[in-house]
Structures are given as C-alpha cells and as structure tokens.
Amino acid sequence: MIGATGVVGGTILRVLDERSVPIDALLAYASRERPEGVAFRGATVPVAAATRERLLADRPDVAFFASSDDASAELALALVAAGTTVIDNTSSFRLADGVPLVIPEVNPHVIQAGDRLFPVANCTAIVLCVALAPIERAVGLSAVRVATYQAVSGAGRAGLDALADEERGMAPTVRLRHRSFATSCRRSAPTTATAIRVKSGRSWPKPARCSDFRTCESRRRPCACR
C-alpha cells in the first residue's frame, strides 16, 4: 500500500479488512518512513519510505497507489515492469494508451491477460457510468446532462482539515484542488465537465455535461468521458 498513512490509503486498508480479503503480508509505504506504523488486523505494520529501490526490492504481488500523481508517475511503471499488478487511485494513467480504464459493472471485458496496470476511474464517473450503461445498451443515448458536486475528501487529509477549520470559524489553511470527473468519464464515455468543491466531507456534488455516451472498443473504455 503506497500512501498507507493518507485518507485514501487508510480507507482501502479498512475495506480490505472489512471484506476479509486474503493477504499473506501487508507492506505499507508513505512519502517518508513512519516509526509509528499503521494498524491492520490487530497488528502494527511498519511504514517504509516509498522509494523505487525499496519497492523493487520488496516486489509485492499487488500494489495499491493512494498517494500523489507524482509518486504514481515515478514508481508505478517500474513495479509493473517487475511483474507487480498495480491499482492506481490517481489520474496519472487514466488516459494512457494501452491502459484499460475499467469499471467492473460496465466494461470488464476490456481486461486482457497481460494487463497489470489498472487506474481507478474518478468516483463521480464510476457512479455515472454504472447508472447510464444499462440504459445506453437498452435504448441508446445521444446526450446526457448531469449535475454533481465533489466533496473535500477528494483533496485528501488537508482538505478535510481545512473543512474542519472552516466549520470552527477559522480561516482555511490550504487551497483545495479539484479535477474534472470528465477525465474518467470520457475514458470509461466523450464528456465535458465543470467541478466545484462543496463544504461536505465525504459526499459528491459538481456541474457536468456529457455527450456521446458510447463504448469505445478501440481505446478500451466504458464510455467517452474523461
């Protein structure tokens, strides 16, 4: 788990535990070594610095990236080349040629035997595509207009801390960033979108316009939204 001490990494660890996913050994990494470690299944797992040398030496079977775009761009492909299956929660590879952007309920058929790099689609795009895919298959869709909103949790722990400060009447300490869900929706269908952060911790609001919701087999995407 790269990014084990962050909001997303911690959530992935919790879900792995809740769903009793079999794990022989958990390896945890962060931007720097954390002597306090992270808790997982009643034990404390040490957290190592996520360097290329350390990851290649450990060579895990599966690696979850829940860190920054820079970390994924620097480290993910090296692990893939070493035989690790990488599941990347950043936007680094969502538009990469030859890399499937998979939403299991929409386009699992695009996965091929040699695929080892799996970027995770934007959270809003996943929900949108799951809802629209059956309609598109049944009757077809020529255009879709959607309004959603992005919670501050998408900005990580800093975003949640800033929201807590605002709720206490304090000035925010960070500038929140957002990424248009169109990045994922266009790959998983073609879409233009605008995103806004709202004062909500873990729910999803944002204005978007979708068009040409069609599967693009040649690019292995569930729809055309970016």
Foldseek 3Di string as FASTA:
>chain_A
DEQCVWPVNVVVLVVCQVVVPDDPDDAAEYCAWDQQADDHPRDGHTYHHDDQVVCLVVLDQEEEAPYDLVSCVVHVVSSVVSNHQYEYADLNCLQPFPAAADQPLQFPVLDDPSHRYYYYADPVLSVVLNVCRVVCVPPRDFWDWDWKAAELCVQIPLSVVQLVCVVVVHHGPDDGDDDFSQSRNQFLAAWAFFYDYDSDHDGMGGTTIGGGFDHDSVRNHSHGGD
